[in-house]
Amino acid sequence: MKKRSIALGLLALILMTGLVLVFLSPALFLRLLSWLGILMLILSSLVMVVTFRKAKAVKPQGLVLSMGISLGTAVLYTWIASASPGGGVLCLGLIFGALAGIGWGLTNSFSLEGRAVRSQGNAWYLLVWALTLAVPQSLAVLTGRPPAVGMVLLFGGTGLVLGQSGFSLWRYLQLKSQLTYPAGGSQ
């Protein structure tokens, strides 16, 4: 309980500091936020490299949630943004992203352990994951990141999430359908 109180106190302090910075110096706030994003990317990359081979339970609710959040973010951003390269280009970004996502989903191995569906990454999974980070960043740097390119990258990323999560959900459902339950038993 004491650790939780300390953690909540630190979180409140960080949030209050951020709130003050937003009003006093928005530029400094955004710069610090960028550095925090870089730190989180580095830490998440380290976690990914260390744990990608570990089999993890597949949570269908999490897959559906990630698809919904990604699609909702793309729709909201499109509604808010003033620049768009056009619906056809955005659809192409979504389609190419989805194809890459399905390819990424193919790199995972799925298995049944008892009644749980588990997914395990391999070297190809790690490579595709690294490319999903490197390619959009490289395109953004090479093009100077005009708003239209940002929109295409957003839709490509949305397609990637839809393809990978959707394919993983399909594989989950395939494996779950192989389970047999006793008469009157529940899933």
C-alpha atoms as a PDB file:
ATOM      1  CA  MET A   1       0.000   0.000   0.000  1.00  0.00           C
ATOM      2  CA  LYS A   2       2.872   2.355   0.816  1.00  0.00           C
ATOM      3  CA  LYS A   3       4.527   1.770  -2.585  1.00  0.00           C
ATOM      4  CA  ARG A   4       1.234   2.455  -4.312  1.00  0.00           C
ATOM      5  CA  SER A   5       0.821   5.746  -2.439  1.00  0.00           C
ATOM      6  CA  ILE A   6       4.345   6.806  -3.388  1.00  0.00           C
ATOM      7  CA  ALA A   7       3.741   5.886  -7.037  1.00  0.00           C
ATOM      8  CA  LEU A   8       0.454   7.807  -7.110  1.00  0.00           C
ATOM      9  CA  GLY A   9       2.131  10.793  -5.472  1.00  0.00           C
ATOM     10  CA  LEU A  10       4.920  10.799  -8.062  1.00  0.00           C
ATOM     11  CA  LEU A  11       2.400  10.485 -10.873  1.00  0.00           C
ATOM     12  CA  ALA A  12       0.395  13.411  -9.469  1.00  0.00           C
ATOM     13  CA  LEU A  13       3.591  15.498  -9.192  1.00  0.00           C
ATOM     14  CA  ILE A  14       4.542  14.725 -12.791  1.00  0.00           C
ATOM     15  CA  LEU A  15       1.043  15.547 -14.051  1.00  0.00           C
ATOM     16  CA  MET A  16       0.947  18.822 -12.104  1.00  0.00           C
ATOM     17  CA  THR A  17       4.391  19.791 -13.420  1.00  0.00           C
ATOM     18  CA  GLY A  18       3.236  19.023 -16.959  1.00  0.00           C
ATOM     19  CA  LEU A  19       0.073  21.055 -16.482  1.00  0.00           C
ATOM     20  CA  VAL A  20       2.066  24.050 -15.221  1.00  0.00           C
ATOM     21  CA  LEU A  21       4.508  23.737 -18.134  1.00  0.00           C
ATOM     22  CA  VAL A  22       1.668  23.669 -20.672  1.00  0.00           C
ATOM     23  CA  PHE A  23       0.620  27.130 -19.554  1.00  0.00           C
ATOM     24  CA  LEU A  24       4.052  28.639 -18.801  1.00  0.00           C
ATOM     25  CA  SER A  25       6.037  27.283 -21.749  1.00  0.00           C
ATOM     26  CA  PRO A  26       4.194  25.119 -24.260  1.00  0.00           C
ATOM     27  CA  ALA A  27       7.360  24.774 -26.385  1.00  0.00           C
ATOM     28  CA  LEU A  28       9.338  23.408 -23.417  1.00  0.00           C
ATOM     29  CA  PHE A  29       6.464  21.091 -22.535  1.00  0.00           C
ATOM     30  CA  LEU A  30       6.387  19.662 -26.070  1.00  0.00           C
ATOM     31  CA  ARG A  31      10.177  19.274 -26.102  1.00  0.00           C
ATOM     32  CA  LEU A  32      10.086  17.380 -22.793  1.00  0.00           C
ATOM     33  CA  LEU A  33       7.196  15.295 -24.076  1.00  0.00           C
ATOM     34  CA  SER A  34       9.256  14.401 -27.161  1.00  0.00           C
ATOM     35  CA  TRP A  35      12.185  13.314 -24.988  1.00  0.00           C
ATOM     36  CA  LEU A  36       9.823  11.281 -22.828  1.00  0.00           C
ATOM     37  CA  GLY A  37       8.476   9.622 -25.981  1.00  0.00           C
ATOM     38  CA  ILE A  38      12.016   8.773 -27.094  1.00  0.00           C
ATOM     39  CA  LEU A  39      12.799   7.313 -23.670  1.00  0.00           C
ATOM     40  CA  MET A  40       9.614   5.224 -23.750  1.00  0.00           C
ATOM     41  CA  LEU A  41      10.473   4.002 -27.262  1.00  0.00           C
ATOM     42  CA  ILE A  42      13.955   2.943 -26.131  1.00  0.00           C
ATOM     43  CA  LEU A  43      12.618   1.177 -23.033  1.00  0.00           C
ATOM     44  CA  SER A  44       9.838  -0.572 -24.954  1.00  0.00           C
ATOM     45  CA  SER A  45      12.381  -1.637 -27.582  1.00  0.00           C
ATOM     46  CA  LEU A  46      14.578  -3.160 -24.888  1.00  0.00           C
ATOM     47  CA  VAL A  47      11.596  -4.992 -23.408  1.00  0.00           C
ATOM     48  CA  MET A  48      10.639  -6.243 -26.879  1.00  0.00           C
ATOM     49  CA  VAL A  49      14.149  -7.543 -27.624  1.00  0.00           C
ATOM     50  CA  VAL A  50      14.350  -9.323 -24.267  1.00  0.00           C
ATOM     51  CA  THR A  51      10.847 -10.854 -24.294  1.00  0.00           C
ATOM     52  CA  PHE A  52       9.866 -11.430 -27.941  1.00  0.00           C
ATOM     53  CA  ARG A  53      10.550 -15.193 -27.774  1.00  0.00           C
ATOM     54  CA  LYS A  54       8.449 -15.702 -24.643  1.00  0.00           C
ATOM     55  CA  ALA A  55       5.040 -17.250 -25.328  1.00  0.00           C
ATOM     56  CA  LYS A  56       2.260 -14.902 -24.265  1.00  0.00           C
ATOM     57  CA  ALA A  57      -1.430 -15.590 -23.775  1.00  0.00           C
ATOM     58  CA  VAL A  58      -3.525 -14.164 -26.602  1.00  0.00           C
ATOM     59  CA  LYS A  59      -6.278 -11.884 -25.309  1.00  0.00           C
ATOM     60  CA  PRO A  60      -9.001 -11.412 -27.942  1.00  0.00           C
ATOM     61  CA  GLN A  61     -10.431  -8.402 -26.095  1.00  0.00           C
ATOM     62  CA  GLY A  62      -7.026  -6.716 -26.274  1.00  0.00           C
ATOM     63  CA  LEU A  63      -6.769  -7.369 -30.009  1.00  0.00           C
ATOM     64  CA  VAL A  64     -10.234  -5.912 -30.639  1.00  0.00           C
ATOM     65  CA  LEU A  65      -9.472  -2.938 -28.381  1.00  0.00           C
ATOM     66  CA  SER A  66      -6.205  -2.150 -30.181  1.00  0.00           C
ATOM     67  CA  MET A  67      -7.983  -2.291 -33.556  1.00  0.00           C
ATOM     68  CA  GLY A  68     -10.769  -0.027 -32.289  1.00  0.00           C
ATOM     69  CA  ILE A  69      -8.401   2.527 -30.784  1.00  0.00           C
ATOM     70  CA  SER A  70      -6.246   2.614 -33.904  1.00  0.00           C
ATOM     71  CA  LEU A  71      -9.213   3.020 -36.236  1.00  0.00           C
ATOM     72  CA  GLY A  72     -10.859   5.582 -33.941  1.00  0.00           C
ATOM     73  CA  THR A  73      -7.650   7.617 -33.763  1.00  0.00           C
ATOM     74  CA  ALA A  74      -7.308   7.625 -37.559  1.00  0.00           C
ATOM     75  CA  VAL A  75     -10.929   8.708 -38.028  1.00  0.00           C
ATOM     76  CA  LEU A  76     -10.653  11.427 -35.371  1.00  0.00           C
ATOM     77  CA  TYR A  77      -7.362  12.746 -36.754  1.00  0.00           C
ATOM     78  CA  THR A  78      -8.804  12.802 -40.281  1.00  0.00           C
ATOM     79  CA  TRP A  79     -11.803  14.739 -39.022  1.00  0.00           C
ATOM     80  CA  ILE A  80      -9.610  17.258 -37.166  1.00  0.00           C
ATOM     81  CA  ALA A  81      -6.795  17.636 -39.729  1.00  0.00           C
ATOM     82  CA  SER A  82      -7.128  20.190 -42.469  1.00  0.00           C
ATOM     83  CA  ALA A  83      -4.759  18.557 -44.983  1.00  0.00           C
ATOM     84  CA  SER A  84      -5.460  15.235 -46.633  1.00  0.00           C
ATOM     85  CA  PRO A  85      -3.872  13.608 -49.675  1.00  0.00           C
ATOM     86  CA  GLY A  86      -7.280  12.253 -50.722  1.00  0.00           C
ATOM     87  CA  GLY A  87      -9.386   9.236 -49.867  1.00  0.00           C
ATOM     88  CA  GLY A  88      -7.803   6.973 -52.490  1.00  0.00           C
ATOM     89  CA  VAL A  89      -4.289   7.550 -51.183  1.00  0.00           C
ATOM     90  CA  LEU A  90      -5.434   7.018 -47.597  1.00  0.00           C
ATOM     91  CA  CYS A  91      -7.138   3.758 -48.611  1.00  0.00           C
ATOM     92  CA  LEU A  92      -3.919   2.610 -50.291  1.00  0.00           C
ATOM     93  CA  GLY A  93      -2.008   3.412 -47.099  1.00  0.00           C
ATOM     94  CA  LEU A  94      -4.563   1.421 -45.111  1.00  0.00           C
ATOM     95  CA  ILE A  95      -4.388  -1.536 -47.532  1.00  0.00           C
ATOM     96  CA  PHE A  96      -0.577  -1.633 -47.658  1.00  0.00           C
ATOM     97  CA  GLY A  97      -0.458  -1.327 -43.877  1.00  0.00           C
ATOM     98  CA  ALA A  98      -2.970  -4.165 -43.489  1.00  0.00           C
ATOM     99  CA  LEU A  99      -0.966  -6.400 -45.836  1.00  0.00           C
ATOM    100  CA  ALA A 100       2.202  -5.661 -43.856  1.00  0.00           C
ATOM    101  CA  GLY A 101       0.250  -6.364 -40.651  1.00  0.00           C
ATOM    102  CA  ILE A 102      -0.915  -9.731 -41.948  1.00  0.00           C
ATOM    103  CA  GLY A 103       2.677 -10.507 -42.900  1.00  0.00           C
ATOM    104  CA  TRP A 104       3.726  -9.545 -39.402  1.00  0.00           C
ATOM    105  CA  GLY A 105       0.998 -11.764 -37.971  1.00  0.00           C
ATOM    106  CA  LEU A 106       2.330 -14.677 -40.037  1.00  0.00           C
ATOM    107  CA  THR A 107       5.669 -14.444 -38.203  1.00  0.00           C
ATOM    108  CA  ASN A 108       4.086 -15.438 -34.869  1.00  0.00           C
ATOM    109  CA  SER A 109       3.605 -19.054 -33.926  1.00  0.00           C
ATOM    110  CA  PHE A 110       0.325 -19.840 -32.175  1.00  0.00           C
ATOM    111  CA  SER A 111      -0.284 -22.857 -29.971  1.00  0.00           C
ATOM    112  CA  LEU A 112      -2.769 -24.312 -27.526  1.00  0.00           C
ATOM    113  CA  GLU A 113      -1.524 -24.854 -23.992  1.00  0.00           C
ATOM    114  CA  GLY A 114      -4.333 -26.426 -22.042  1.00  0.00           C
ATOM    115  CA  ARG A 115      -7.287 -24.210 -22.873  1.00  0.00           C
ATOM    116  CA  ALA A 116      -5.187 -21.105 -23.490  1.00  0.00           C
ATOM    117  CA  VAL A 117      -4.048 -19.855 -26.888  1.00  0.00           C
ATOM    118  CA  ARG A 118      -0.482 -18.596 -26.772  1.00  0.00           C
ATOM    119  CA  SER A 119       1.556 -16.634 -29.269  1.00  0.00           C
ATOM    120  CA  GLN A 120       5.327 -16.608 -29.560  1.00  0.00           C
ATOM    121  CA  GLY A 121       7.527 -14.335 -31.652  1.00  0.00           C
ATOM    122  CA  ASN A 122      10.682 -15.287 -33.519  1.00  0.00           C
ATOM    123  CA  ALA A 123      13.513 -13.468 -35.284  1.00  0.00           C
ATOM    124  CA  TRP A 124      11.237 -12.595 -38.230  1.00  0.00           C
ATOM    125  CA  TYR A 125       8.680 -11.126 -35.835  1.00  0.00           C
ATOM    126  CA  LEU A 126      11.404  -8.932 -34.339  1.00  0.00           C
ATOM    127  CA  LEU A 127      12.638  -7.872 -37.789  1.00  0.00           C
ATOM    128  CA  VAL A 128       9.158  -6.886 -39.000  1.00  0.00           C
ATOM    129  CA  TRP A 129       8.565  -5.029 -35.725  1.00  0.00           C
ATOM    130  CA  ALA A 130      11.816  -3.081 -36.220  1.00  0.00           C
ATOM    131  CA  LEU A 131      10.825  -2.234 -39.795  1.00  0.00           C
ATOM    132  CA  THR A 132       7.436  -0.945 -38.624  1.00  0.00           C
ATOM    133  CA  LEU A 133       9.334   1.568 -36.516  1.00  0.00           C
ATOM    134  CA  ALA A 134      12.102   2.404 -38.991  1.00  0.00           C
ATOM    135  CA  VAL A 135      10.164   2.815 -42.253  1.00  0.00           C
ATOM    136  CA  PRO A 136       7.645   5.468 -41.104  1.00  0.00           C
ATOM    137  CA  GLN A 137      10.345   7.409 -39.258  1.00  0.00           C
ATOM    138  CA  SER A 138      12.613   7.311 -42.307  1.00  0.00           C
ATOM    139  CA  LEU A 139       9.810   8.474 -44.606  1.00  0.00           C
ATOM    140  CA  ALA A 140       8.955  11.285 -42.214  1.00  0.00           C
ATOM    141  CA  VAL A 141      12.580  12.468 -42.117  1.00  0.00           C
ATOM    142  CA  LEU A 142      13.094  12.139 -45.887  1.00  0.00           C
ATOM    143  CA  THR A 143       9.915  14.043 -46.795  1.00  0.00           C
ATOM    144  CA  GLY A 144      10.128  16.717 -44.109  1.00  0.00           C
ATOM    145  CA  ARG A 145       6.867  15.308 -42.774  1.00  0.00           C
ATOM    146  CA  PRO A 146       4.260  17.423 -44.534  1.00  0.00           C
ATOM    147  CA  PRO A 147       0.739  16.869 -43.161  1.00  0.00           C
ATOM    148  CA  ALA A 148      -0.335  14.749 -46.147  1.00  0.00           C
ATOM    149  CA  VAL A 149       2.571  12.324 -45.588  1.00  0.00           C
ATOM    150  CA  GLY A 150       1.676  12.187 -41.900  1.00  0.00           C
ATOM    151  CA  MET A 151      -1.882  11.208 -42.827  1.00  0.00           C
ATOM    152  CA  VAL A 152      -0.707   8.410 -45.144  1.00  0.00           C
ATOM    153  CA  LEU A 153       1.654   7.147 -42.414  1.00  0.00           C
ATOM    154  CA  LEU A 154      -1.202   7.264 -39.899  1.00  0.00           C
ATOM    155  CA  PHE A 155      -3.423   5.192 -42.178  1.00  0.00           C
ATOM    156  CA  GLY A 156      -0.555   2.818 -42.937  1.00  0.00           C
ATOM    157  CA  GLY A 157      -0.012   2.345 -39.198  1.00  0.00           C
ATOM    158  CA  THR A 158      -3.740   1.848 -38.684  1.00  0.00           C
ATOM    159  CA  GLY A 159      -3.756  -0.773 -41.420  1.00  0.00           C
ATOM    160  CA  LEU A 160      -0.760  -2.440 -39.793  1.00  0.00           C
ATOM    161  CA  VAL A 161      -2.603  -2.747 -36.479  1.00  0.00           C
ATOM    162  CA  LEU A 162      -5.810  -3.919 -38.181  1.00  0.00           C
ATOM    163  CA  GLY A 163      -3.927  -6.505 -40.239  1.00  0.00           C
ATOM    164  CA  GLN A 164      -1.746  -7.874 -37.444  1.00  0.00           C
ATOM    165  CA  SER A 165      -4.419  -7.845 -34.744  1.00  0.00           C
ATOM    166  CA  GLY A 166      -7.149  -9.067 -37.090  1.00  0.00           C
ATOM    167  CA  PHE A 167      -4.992 -11.934 -38.360  1.00  0.00           C
ATOM    168  CA  SER A 168      -3.987 -12.826 -34.786  1.00  0.00           C
ATOM    169  CA  LEU A 169      -7.660 -12.791 -33.754  1.00  0.00           C
ATOM    170  CA  TRP A 170      -8.522 -15.085 -36.679  1.00  0.00           C
ATOM    171  CA  ARG A 171      -5.766 -17.525 -35.665  1.00  0.00           C
ATOM    172  CA  TYR A 172      -6.942 -17.348 -32.045  1.00  0.00           C
ATOM    173  CA  LEU A 173     -10.505 -18.201 -33.082  1.00  0.00           C
ATOM    174  CA  GLN A 174      -9.270 -21.062 -35.277  1.00  0.00           C
ATOM    175  CA  LEU A 175      -7.364 -22.628 -32.384  1.00  0.00           C
ATOM    176  CA  LYS A 176     -10.186 -22.049 -29.891  1.00  0.00           C
ATOM    177  CA  SER A 177     -12.614 -23.809 -32.242  1.00  0.00           C
ATOM    178  CA  GLN A 178     -10.460 -26.953 -31.995  1.00  0.00           C
ATOM    179  CA  LEU A 179     -11.129 -27.246 -28.276  1.00  0.00           C
ATOM    180  CA  THR A 180     -13.792 -29.686 -27.177  1.00  0.00           C
ATOM    181  CA  TYR A 181     -15.883 -29.096 -24.110  1.00  0.00           C
ATOM    182  CA  PRO A 182     -17.820 -31.679 -22.106  1.00  0.00           C
ATOM    183  CA  ALA A 183     -21.600 -31.702 -22.537  1.00  0.00           C
ATOM    184  CA  GLY A 184     -23.056 -28.877 -20.500  1.00  0.00           C
ATOM    185  CA  GLY A 185     -19.590 -27.353 -19.987  1.00  0.00           C
ATOM    186  CA  SER A 186     -18.790 -23.767 -20.729  1.00  0.00           C
ATOM    187  CA  GLN A 187     -15.994 -22.116 -22.602  1.00  0.00           C
END
